[in-house]
């Protein structure tokens, strides 16, 4: 009955029934905790968790997953360390949490620690690990992970696995490998296309990125807002003003998508990079949504291209928004310009 109430969203009724139960077992405790986590009520879930007379791996993993989804990776890690029964699910949840919350190095460290404990990773773990590697852009690590994947028993034709492999290789600079994996996929989706487009953009192949995006459209795949952010970013980094403006217009008039602050920031960045500062500023002033902080940071860079603080600011903004493609490109630009970070600033 408790599970039944939870399945139909009646958390209060489920809790009342749970409170009336005289013989509560692990299953009923875990069901209530899982229900509260599912409804986003972590406070109630944690209160029940603390009251449990006995906890098992499911209890800990449920709470860890809840904290991860809420972005509270510190609480997730604390519970993980308290658990005496660390199974693959709890390891994977924490690794995924670090990857999803912009801490790729910690995700990789946790994976190595898991390996030392002889815990065999599953598909979900490896997808999270590849995501972490993609954020860091480490080519040698990508090669090691790629080799491990091919030597193991993972089904590389599964869409999620194939897409993660493509994304990792593309963002880490192994475009030949990424292209081979992409062409070997039995079917392509928007995610795999966008991974390739991002990879081409990172490594200075803007026209090829546009051509691949056009191929996606010809295949009948419908781009979403994320897809347009990817292609607009590619156009911006390659200085393709005509193409970028076309895609922005297409997003609104052809696909009936409302531009987000991210898309406006891409358009402003595109115009700013191309020297059309007046046009960029006019859009910034007239845009119907609240200006994206990244748009203002890009404006600062245009005005003070040798001020390292502006680059650090923009890098932090991109990282906070999980825009790791832009973080990677910005780091490359800082190195190319020989700029030095201001002491005391955080570097993500």
Protein backbone atom coordinates (compact mmCIF):
# COMPACT_ATOMS: atom_id res chain seq x y z
CA UNK A 1 0.00 0.00 0.00
CA UNK A 2 2.85 2.40 0.81
CA UNK A 3 4.38 1.81 -2.61
CA UNK A 4 0.96 2.17 -4.23
CA UNK A 5 0.39 5.61 -2.69
CA UNK A 6 3.90 6.69 -3.70
CA UNK A 7 3.40 5.51 -7.27
CA UNK A 8 0.39 7.82 -7.67
CA UNK A 9 2.13 10.76 -6.00
CA UNK A 10 0.34 10.58 -2.65
CA UNK A 11 3.40 11.07 -0.43
CA UNK A 12 1.41 12.31 2.57
CA UNK A 13 -0.96 9.33 2.51
CA UNK A 14 2.02 7.00 2.14
CA UNK A 15 3.76 8.60 5.12
CA UNK A 16 0.63 8.39 7.28
CA UNK A 17 0.26 4.70 6.46
CA UNK A 18 3.96 4.13 7.09
CA UNK A 19 3.70 5.80 10.51
CA UNK A 20 0.84 3.44 11.44
CA UNK A 21 2.82 0.32 10.52
CA UNK A 22 3.98 -1.72 13.52
CA UNK A 23 6.30 -4.03 11.61
CA UNK A 24 8.44 -1.93 9.32
CA UNK A 25 11.09 -3.75 7.36
CA UNK A 26 13.96 -2.56 5.18
CA UNK A 27 11.75 -2.63 2.09
CA UNK A 28 9.17 -0.26 3.58
CA UNK A 29 11.82 2.12 4.91
CA UNK A 30 13.60 2.19 1.55
CA UNK A 31 10.31 2.65 -0.31
CA UNK A 32 9.47 5.75 1.72
CA UNK A 33 12.95 7.21 1.35
CA UNK A 34 12.90 6.53 -2.39
CA UNK A 35 9.51 8.20 -2.66
CA UNK A 36 10.63 11.36 -0.90
CA UNK A 37 13.77 11.48 -3.05
CA UNK A 38 11.68 11.08 -6.20
CA UNK A 39 9.47 13.99 -5.14
CA UNK A 40 12.52 16.14 -4.38
CA UNK A 41 11.90 16.23 -0.62
CA UNK A 42 15.44 15.44 0.49
CA UNK A 43 14.90 16.82 3.96
CA UNK A 44 12.14 14.31 4.76
CA UNK A 45 14.12 11.55 3.06
CA UNK A 46 17.18 12.29 5.20
CA UNK A 47 15.11 12.41 8.40
CA UNK A 48 13.74 8.94 7.66
CA UNK A 49 17.20 7.73 6.67
CA UNK A 50 18.62 8.90 10.00
CA UNK A 51 15.79 7.15 11.88
CA UNK A 52 16.34 3.79 10.18
CA UNK A 53 17.34 1.13 12.72
CA UNK A 54 19.19 -0.73 9.98
CA UNK A 55 20.47 0.45 6.60
CA UNK A 56 21.64 -1.44 3.53
CA UNK A 57 23.31 -0.54 0.23
CA UNK A 58 19.95 0.43 -1.29
CA UNK A 59 19.31 2.92 1.53
CA UNK A 60 22.64 4.64 0.99
CA UNK A 61 22.48 4.57 -2.80
CA UNK A 62 18.99 6.07 -2.83
CA UNK A 63 20.11 9.01 -0.71
CA UNK A 64 23.35 9.42 -2.66
CA UNK A 65 21.39 9.57 -5.92
CA UNK A 66 19.04 12.12 -4.40
CA UNK A 67 21.87 14.40 -3.35
CA UNK A 68 23.58 13.99 -6.72
CA UNK A 69 20.45 15.02 -8.62
CA UNK A 70 20.10 18.02 -6.33
CA UNK A 71 23.70 19.03 -7.01
CA UNK A 72 24.77 18.47 -3.39
CA UNK A 73 27.83 16.39 -4.19
CA UNK A 74 29.39 17.08 -0.76
CA UNK A 75 26.53 15.39 1.09
CA UNK A 76 26.54 12.56 -1.45
CA UNK A 77 30.26 11.95 -0.84
CA UNK A 78 29.84 12.03 2.95
CA UNK A 79 27.13 9.36 2.82
CA UNK A 80 29.18 7.30 0.40
CA UNK A 81 32.14 7.27 2.79
CA UNK A 82 29.85 6.27 5.69
CA UNK A 83 28.50 3.26 3.82
CA UNK A 84 29.99 -0.14 4.61
CA UNK A 85 28.38 -1.68 1.53
CA UNK A 86 29.67 0.14 -1.53
CA UNK A 87 28.27 -1.61 -4.60
CA UNK A 88 28.61 -0.68 -8.26
CA UNK A 89 25.41 1.39 -8.10
CA UNK A 90 26.72 3.66 -5.34
CA UNK A 91 30.14 4.00 -7.01
CA UNK A 92 28.48 4.87 -10.32
CA UNK A 93 26.12 7.36 -8.68
CA UNK A 94 29.01 9.28 -7.15
CA UNK A 95 31.15 9.19 -10.31
CA UNK A 96 28.17 10.41 -12.30
CA UNK A 97 27.54 13.11 -9.72
CA UNK A 98 31.04 14.49 -10.03
CA UNK A 99 30.85 14.41 -13.83
CA UNK A 100 27.44 16.11 -13.89
CA UNK A 101 28.45 18.80 -11.42
CA UNK A 102 31.58 19.97 -13.19
CA UNK A 103 34.18 18.05 -11.18
CA UNK A 104 35.64 15.69 -13.80
CA UNK A 105 38.97 15.16 -12.03
CA UNK A 106 37.18 13.92 -8.92
CA UNK A 107 35.08 11.59 -11.08
CA UNK A 108 38.21 10.03 -12.56
CA UNK A 109 39.86 9.72 -9.14
CA UNK A 110 36.79 7.90 -7.83
CA UNK A 111 36.92 5.55 -10.82
CA UNK A 112 40.56 4.68 -10.12
CA UNK A 113 39.69 4.10 -6.47
CA UNK A 114 36.84 1.83 -7.53
CA UNK A 115 39.21 -0.14 -9.75
CA UNK A 116 41.60 -0.59 -6.83
CA UNK A 117 38.72 -2.14 -4.88
CA UNK A 118 38.19 -4.61 -7.77
CA UNK A 119 34.68 -3.32 -8.43
CA UNK A 120 33.83 -3.97 -12.08
CA UNK A 121 32.33 -0.93 -13.84
CA UNK A 122 29.08 -1.19 -15.74
CA UNK A 123 27.88 0.69 -18.80
CA UNK A 124 26.51 3.57 -16.74
CA UNK A 125 29.85 4.00 -14.97
CA UNK A 126 31.79 4.11 -18.23
CA UNK A 127 29.44 6.64 -19.82
CA UNK A 128 29.98 8.92 -16.80
CA UNK A 129 33.74 8.37 -16.96
CA UNK A 130 33.80 9.28 -20.66
CA UNK A 131 31.80 12.41 -19.87
CA UNK A 132 34.42 13.41 -17.29
CA UNK A 133 37.23 12.79 -19.75
CA UNK A 134 35.41 14.88 -22.37
CA UNK A 135 35.28 17.81 -19.97
CA UNK A 136 39.02 17.62 -19.30
CA UNK A 137 39.99 17.10 -22.94
CA UNK A 138 42.88 14.74 -22.08
CA UNK A 139 43.73 12.85 -25.26
CA UNK A 140 45.95 10.21 -23.63
CA UNK A 141 43.29 9.38 -21.06
CA UNK A 142 40.71 9.19 -23.83
CA UNK A 143 42.88 6.65 -25.67
CA UNK A 144 43.17 4.52 -22.52
CA UNK A 145 39.42 4.57 -21.92
CA UNK A 146 38.71 3.88 -25.59
CA UNK A 147 41.06 0.88 -25.53
CA UNK A 148 39.47 -0.39 -22.30
CA UNK A 149 36.00 -0.14 -23.83
CA UNK A 150 36.99 -2.10 -26.91
CA UNK A 151 38.74 -4.81 -24.88
CA UNK A 152 35.82 -5.26 -22.49
CA UNK A 153 32.45 -6.85 -23.06
CA UNK A 154 30.50 -3.61 -23.46
CA UNK A 155 28.09 -3.34 -26.38
CA UNK A 156 29.64 -0.47 -28.32
CA UNK A 157 26.64 -0.31 -30.66
CA UNK A 158 24.30 0.80 -27.90
CA UNK A 159 23.35 4.40 -28.60
CA UNK A 160 24.40 5.79 -25.21
CA UNK A 161 27.78 4.06 -25.25
CA UNK A 162 28.53 4.94 -28.88
CA UNK A 163 27.51 8.56 -28.35
CA UNK A 164 29.72 8.85 -25.25
CA UNK A 165 32.69 7.35 -27.12
CA UNK A 166 32.19 9.76 -30.00
CA UNK A 167 31.84 12.72 -27.68
CA UNK A 168 34.97 11.82 -25.72
CA UNK A 169 37.16 11.23 -28.76
CA UNK A 170 35.89 14.34 -30.52
CA UNK A 171 36.40 16.68 -27.58
CA UNK A 172 39.80 15.22 -26.76
CA UNK A 173 41.11 15.75 -30.28
CA UNK A 174 40.92 12.27 -31.79
CA UNK A 175 38.62 13.32 -34.62
CA UNK A 176 39.60 10.44 -36.91
CA UNK A 177 38.52 7.93 -34.28
CA UNK A 178 35.35 9.90 -33.54
CA UNK A 179 34.47 10.02 -37.25
CA UNK A 180 35.03 6.28 -37.63
CA UNK A 181 32.82 5.51 -34.64
CA UNK A 182 30.17 7.92 -35.91
CA UNK A 183 30.01 6.37 -39.38
CA UNK A 184 29.86 2.87 -37.88
CA UNK A 185 26.70 3.67 -35.93
CA UNK A 186 23.68 1.84 -37.42
CA UNK A 187 21.55 4.94 -36.86
CA UNK A 188 22.37 8.49 -35.89
CA UNK A 189 20.51 10.72 -33.48
CA UNK A 190 20.71 14.40 -32.63
CA UNK A 191 23.06 13.72 -29.69
CA UNK A 192 25.67 11.87 -31.77
CA UNK A 193 25.53 14.55 -34.47
CA UNK A 194 25.99 17.33 -31.94
CA UNK A 195 28.96 15.54 -30.37
CA UNK A 196 30.67 15.50 -33.75
CA UNK A 197 29.74 19.11 -34.49
CA UNK A 198 31.21 20.17 -31.13
CA UNK A 199 34.40 18.22 -31.75
CA UNK A 200 34.89 19.78 -35.18
CA UNK A 201 34.25 23.21 -33.71
CA UNK A 202 36.76 22.76 -30.88
CA UNK A 203 39.49 21.82 -33.32
CA UNK A 204 38.95 24.66 -35.76
CA UNK A 205 36.84 22.94 -38.40
CA UNK A 206 33.89 25.31 -38.43
CA UNK A 207 32.86 24.79 -42.09
CA UNK A 208 32.91 21.00 -41.60
CA UNK A 209 30.79 21.41 -38.47
CA UNK A 210 28.22 23.37 -40.46
CA UNK A 211 28.26 20.76 -43.24
CA UNK A 212 27.63 17.98 -40.72
CA UNK A 213 24.77 19.92 -39.14
CA UNK A 214 23.24 20.33 -42.59
CA UNK A 215 23.58 16.58 -43.12
CA UNK A 216 21.66 16.03 -39.89
CA UNK A 217 18.85 18.26 -41.12
CA UNK A 218 18.72 16.45 -44.46
CA UNK A 219 18.32 13.15 -42.60
CA UNK A 220 15.12 14.55 -41.14
CA UNK A 221 16.35 14.86 -37.57
CA UNK A 222 14.75 17.76 -35.71
CA UNK A 223 17.20 19.97 -33.80
CA UNK A 224 16.35 21.11 -30.28
CA UNK A 225 17.53 24.19 -28.41
CA UNK A 226 20.76 22.46 -27.37
CA UNK A 227 21.49 21.61 -31.01
CA UNK A 228 21.16 25.24 -31.99
CA UNK A 229 23.42 26.31 -29.14
CA UNK A 230 26.04 23.88 -30.48
CA UNK A 231 25.87 25.08 -34.09
CA UNK A 232 25.67 28.76 -33.12
CA UNK A 233 28.76 28.29 -30.95
CA UNK A 234 30.53 26.59 -33.86
CA UNK A 235 29.64 29.47 -36.19
CA UNK A 236 30.80 31.99 -33.59
CA UNK A 237 34.18 30.36 -33.09
CA UNK A 238 34.73 30.08 -36.85
CA UNK A 239 33.51 33.61 -37.61
CA UNK A 240 30.73 32.32 -39.86
CA UNK A 241 28.40 35.31 -39.50
CA UNK A 242 26.07 34.49 -42.40
CA UNK A 243 25.58 30.88 -41.30
CA UNK A 244 25.16 31.80 -37.63
CA UNK A 245 22.51 34.42 -38.36
CA UNK A 246 20.76 31.93 -40.65
CA UNK A 247 20.57 29.29 -37.91
CA UNK A 248 19.34 31.80 -35.35
CA UNK A 249 16.59 32.86 -37.74
CA UNK A 250 15.81 29.22 -38.60
CA UNK A 251 15.48 28.32 -34.93
CA UNK A 252 12.79 30.97 -34.48
CA UNK A 253 10.92 30.96 -37.79
CA UNK A 254 11.33 27.38 -39.04
CA UNK A 255 11.40 25.34 -35.84
CA UNK A 256 9.36 27.71 -33.65
CA UNK A 257 11.86 27.61 -30.80
CA UNK A 258 12.15 30.54 -28.42
CA UNK A 259 15.78 31.65 -28.11
CA UNK A 260 17.22 31.25 -24.65
CA UNK A 261 19.85 33.51 -23.05
CA UNK A 262 22.43 30.97 -24.25
CA UNK A 263 21.40 31.37 -27.88
CA UNK A 264 21.36 35.15 -27.61
CA UNK A 265 24.81 34.99 -26.02
CA UNK A 266 26.02 32.91 -28.98
CA UNK A 267 24.65 35.44 -31.48
CA UNK A 268 26.15 38.36 -29.55
CA UNK A 269 29.47 36.53 -29.30
CA UNK A 270 29.37 35.81 -33.06
CA UNK A 271 28.81 39.46 -33.92
CA UNK A 272 31.37 40.62 -31.36
CA UNK A 273 34.07 38.28 -32.64
CA UNK A 274 33.41 39.51 -36.17
CA UNK A 275 33.87 43.16 -35.22
CA UNK A 276 30.18 44.05 -35.37
CA UNK A 277 30.18 45.42 -31.85
CA UNK A 278 27.38 47.92 -32.46
CA UNK A 279 25.04 45.19 -33.73
CA UNK A 280 26.01 42.95 -30.82
CA UNK A 281 25.33 45.71 -28.30
CA UNK A 282 21.96 46.55 -29.88
CA UNK A 283 20.86 42.91 -29.56
CA UNK A 284 22.12 42.81 -26.00
CA UNK A 285 20.00 45.84 -25.12
CA UNK A 286 16.86 44.71 -26.97
CA UNK A 287 16.78 40.96 -26.27
CA UNK A 288 13.45 39.93 -24.64
CA UNK A 289 15.14 37.70 -22.06
CA UNK A 290 17.50 38.66 -19.27
CA UNK A 291 21.02 39.05 -20.71
CA UNK A 292 23.30 36.08 -20.11
CA UNK A 293 26.32 36.90 -17.97
CA UNK A 294 28.47 35.26 -20.63
CA UNK A 295 27.37 37.86 -23.15
CA UNK A 296 28.65 40.66 -20.94
CA UNK A 297 31.92 38.82 -20.31
CA UNK A 298 32.42 38.40 -24.06
CA UNK A 299 31.87 42.14 -24.41
CA UNK A 300 34.58 42.80 -21.81
CA UNK A 301 37.01 40.60 -23.74
CA UNK A 302 36.31 42.53 -26.93
CA UNK A 303 37.07 45.79 -25.10
CA UNK A 304 40.09 44.47 -23.16
CA UNK A 305 41.52 41.51 -25.11
CA UNK A 306 44.72 41.38 -23.02
CA UNK A 307 43.03 41.43 -19.61
CA UNK A 308 43.37 37.88 -18.25
CA UNK A 309 40.72 38.58 -15.62
CA UNK A 310 38.03 38.84 -18.29
CA UNK A 311 38.95 35.40 -19.61
CA UNK A 312 38.89 33.92 -16.12
CA UNK A 313 35.46 35.46 -15.54
CA UNK A 314 34.08 34.03 -18.77
CA UNK A 315 35.64 30.62 -18.06
CA UNK A 316 33.93 30.54 -14.65
CA UNK A 317 30.60 31.52 -16.22
CA UNK A 318 30.88 28.80 -18.87
CA UNK A 319 31.90 26.18 -16.29
CA UNK A 320 28.97 27.10 -14.03
CA UNK A 321 26.68 26.47 -16.99
CA UNK A 322 28.38 23.14 -17.88
CA UNK A 323 29.51 24.63 -21.22
CA UNK A 324 32.75 22.65 -21.31
CA UNK A 325 33.27 23.16 -25.04
CA UNK A 326 33.60 26.89 -24.42
CA UNK A 327 35.80 26.34 -21.36
CA UNK A 328 38.22 24.24 -23.45
CA UNK A 329 38.34 26.77 -26.27
CA UNK A 330 38.86 29.63 -23.84
CA UNK A 331 41.77 27.84 -22.18
CA UNK A 332 43.37 27.31 -25.59
CA UNK A 333 42.97 31.02 -26.35
CA UNK A 334 44.55 32.00 -23.03
CA UNK A 335 47.56 29.78 -23.76
CA UNK A 336 47.84 31.10 -27.33
CA UNK A 337 47.86 34.70 -26.11
CA UNK A 338 50.33 33.91 -23.33
CA UNK A 339 48.06 35.48 -20.73
CA UNK A 340 48.69 34.88 -17.05
CA UNK A 341 45.89 34.27 -14.58
CA UNK A 342 45.50 36.86 -11.83
CA UNK A 343 46.70 35.32 -8.52
CA UNK A 344 43.83 34.40 -6.23
CA UNK A 345 41.20 33.81 -8.91
CA UNK A 346 39.60 30.38 -9.00
CA UNK A 347 40.30 28.29 -12.06
CA UNK A 348 37.72 25.68 -13.01
